[in-house]
């Protein structure tokens, strides 16, 4: 039993060390491209981006996930919920969350509201 505890501890140490070593790489890519995205933009994704406005500077984290379309929606309607959080070192920003349904044929937003977004949080 002791050997598994030692292996688990070593795994945690290695993962922490790997995250620590990759932090400068993440900072370099973020400074060069302005954003780092994991996942597809039209599906489940995480996007870390720089905020560089006149009086506001910091980081933003956008998390998106697909939602099922409402019952009365025609075929080809894709819905998603997006949440955006900010970590600012200059200025202020308010975290937000929004839902949107898009017609996959035309690419334009629709008037449908996903059922999961009708609840008050």
Protein backbone atom coordinates (compact mmCIF):
# COMPACT_ATOMS: atom_id res chain seq x y z
CA UNK A 1 0.00 0.00 0.00
CA UNK A 2 2.90 2.35 0.68
CA UNK A 3 4.21 2.04 -2.87
CA UNK A 4 0.92 3.34 -4.35
CA UNK A 5 0.97 6.32 -2.05
CA UNK A 6 4.54 7.09 -3.08
CA UNK A 7 3.66 6.75 -6.79
CA UNK A 8 0.63 9.01 -6.39
CA UNK A 9 2.75 11.61 -4.63
CA UNK A 10 5.39 11.44 -7.37
CA UNK A 11 2.70 11.83 -10.04
CA UNK A 12 1.36 14.95 -8.29
CA UNK A 13 4.88 16.40 -8.01
CA UNK A 14 5.60 15.70 -11.71
CA UNK A 15 2.30 17.31 -12.82
CA UNK A 16 2.98 20.37 -10.65
CA UNK A 17 6.52 20.64 -12.05
CA UNK A 18 5.22 20.32 -15.62
CA UNK A 19 2.65 23.08 -15.05
CA UNK A 20 5.34 25.28 -13.53
CA UNK A 21 7.72 24.72 -16.46
CA UNK A 22 4.99 25.38 -19.08
CA UNK A 23 3.86 28.68 -17.52
CA UNK A 24 6.43 30.80 -19.43
CA UNK A 25 5.42 29.07 -22.68
CA UNK A 26 1.77 29.93 -22.04
CA UNK A 27 2.72 33.54 -21.27
CA UNK A 28 4.79 33.79 -24.48
CA UNK A 29 2.01 32.36 -26.69
CA UNK A 30 -0.55 34.61 -25.00
CA UNK A 31 1.61 37.71 -25.52
CA UNK A 32 2.31 36.80 -29.15
CA UNK A 33 -1.20 35.77 -30.28
CA UNK A 34 -3.37 37.61 -27.76
CA UNK A 35 -5.32 34.44 -26.98
CA UNK A 36 -5.06 30.72 -26.34
CA UNK A 37 -8.05 28.53 -27.17
CA UNK A 38 -8.72 24.92 -26.26
CA UNK A 39 -11.59 23.32 -28.17
CA UNK A 40 -13.67 24.37 -31.16
CA UNK A 41 -15.25 27.82 -31.23
CA UNK A 42 -18.67 26.40 -32.15
CA UNK A 43 -18.65 23.74 -29.43
CA UNK A 44 -17.28 23.28 -25.94
CA UNK A 45 -14.24 25.51 -25.55
CA UNK A 46 -12.07 27.53 -23.18
CA UNK A 47 -10.39 30.70 -24.43
CA UNK A 48 -7.87 32.72 -22.42
CA UNK A 49 -7.36 36.19 -23.90
CA UNK A 50 -5.65 39.48 -23.14
CA UNK A 51 -7.74 42.58 -22.41
CA UNK A 52 -5.90 45.69 -23.61
CA UNK A 53 -8.21 48.68 -23.69
CA UNK A 54 -7.55 52.33 -22.93
CA UNK A 55 -8.01 52.10 -19.16
CA UNK A 56 -8.41 48.37 -18.67
CA UNK A 57 -5.78 45.66 -18.77
CA UNK A 58 -5.94 42.07 -17.66
CA UNK A 59 -6.93 38.56 -18.65
CA UNK A 60 -10.28 37.17 -19.69
CA UNK A 61 -11.48 33.58 -19.64
CA UNK A 62 -14.33 32.59 -21.96
CA UNK A 63 -15.99 29.23 -21.43
CA UNK A 64 -18.53 27.99 -23.97
CA UNK A 65 -20.67 24.89 -24.06
CA UNK A 66 -23.37 23.67 -26.44
CA UNK A 67 -26.98 23.48 -25.29
CA UNK A 68 -29.92 21.60 -26.75
CA UNK A 69 -32.17 23.81 -28.88
CA UNK A 70 -35.68 24.66 -27.63
CA UNK A 71 -38.55 22.32 -28.44
CA UNK A 72 -40.10 24.48 -31.19
CA UNK A 73 -36.82 25.25 -32.97
CA UNK A 74 -36.42 24.03 -36.56
CA UNK A 75 -33.64 21.66 -37.58
CA UNK A 76 -30.27 23.31 -38.05
CA UNK A 77 -30.50 25.58 -34.99
CA UNK A 78 -27.47 25.26 -32.68
CA UNK A 79 -27.50 26.85 -29.23
CA UNK A 80 -24.67 27.62 -26.84
CA UNK A 81 -24.04 29.23 -23.46
CA UNK A 82 -20.95 31.38 -23.00
CA UNK A 83 -19.55 32.64 -19.69
CA UNK A 84 -16.80 35.26 -19.51
CA UNK A 85 -14.74 36.03 -16.38
CA UNK A 86 -12.04 38.67 -15.99
CA UNK A 87 -8.89 39.12 -13.89
CA UNK A 88 -7.92 42.77 -14.19
CA UNK A 89 -4.77 44.48 -12.93
CA UNK A 90 -5.83 47.89 -14.28
CA UNK A 91 -9.45 48.99 -14.47
CA UNK A 92 -12.54 46.92 -13.84
CA UNK A 93 -14.68 44.42 -15.74
CA UNK A 94 -17.90 42.59 -14.94
CA UNK A 95 -18.25 38.84 -15.46
CA UNK A 96 -21.12 37.90 -17.75
CA UNK A 97 -22.95 34.91 -19.16
CA UNK A 98 -25.15 34.75 -22.24
CA UNK A 99 -26.99 32.26 -24.42
CA UNK A 100 -27.39 32.35 -28.17
CA UNK A 101 -28.96 30.20 -30.86
CA UNK A 102 -27.57 30.35 -34.40
CA UNK A 103 -29.04 29.01 -37.62
CA UNK A 104 -26.29 26.72 -38.91
CA UNK A 105 -27.41 27.18 -42.53
CA UNK A 106 -27.25 30.99 -42.66
CA UNK A 107 -24.92 31.60 -39.73
CA UNK A 108 -27.20 34.33 -38.33
CA UNK A 109 -28.53 34.46 -34.75
CA UNK A 110 -32.14 33.40 -34.22
CA UNK A 111 -34.84 34.58 -31.81
CA UNK A 112 -34.99 31.23 -30.02
CA UNK A 113 -33.91 31.02 -26.37
CA UNK A 114 -32.57 27.68 -25.09
CA UNK A 115 -34.65 26.15 -22.29
CA UNK A 116 -31.57 25.91 -20.05
CA UNK A 117 -31.16 29.70 -20.27
CA UNK A 118 -34.69 30.53 -19.14
CA UNK A 119 -33.91 29.72 -15.51
CA UNK A 120 -32.83 32.53 -13.22
CA UNK A 121 -29.42 31.98 -11.64
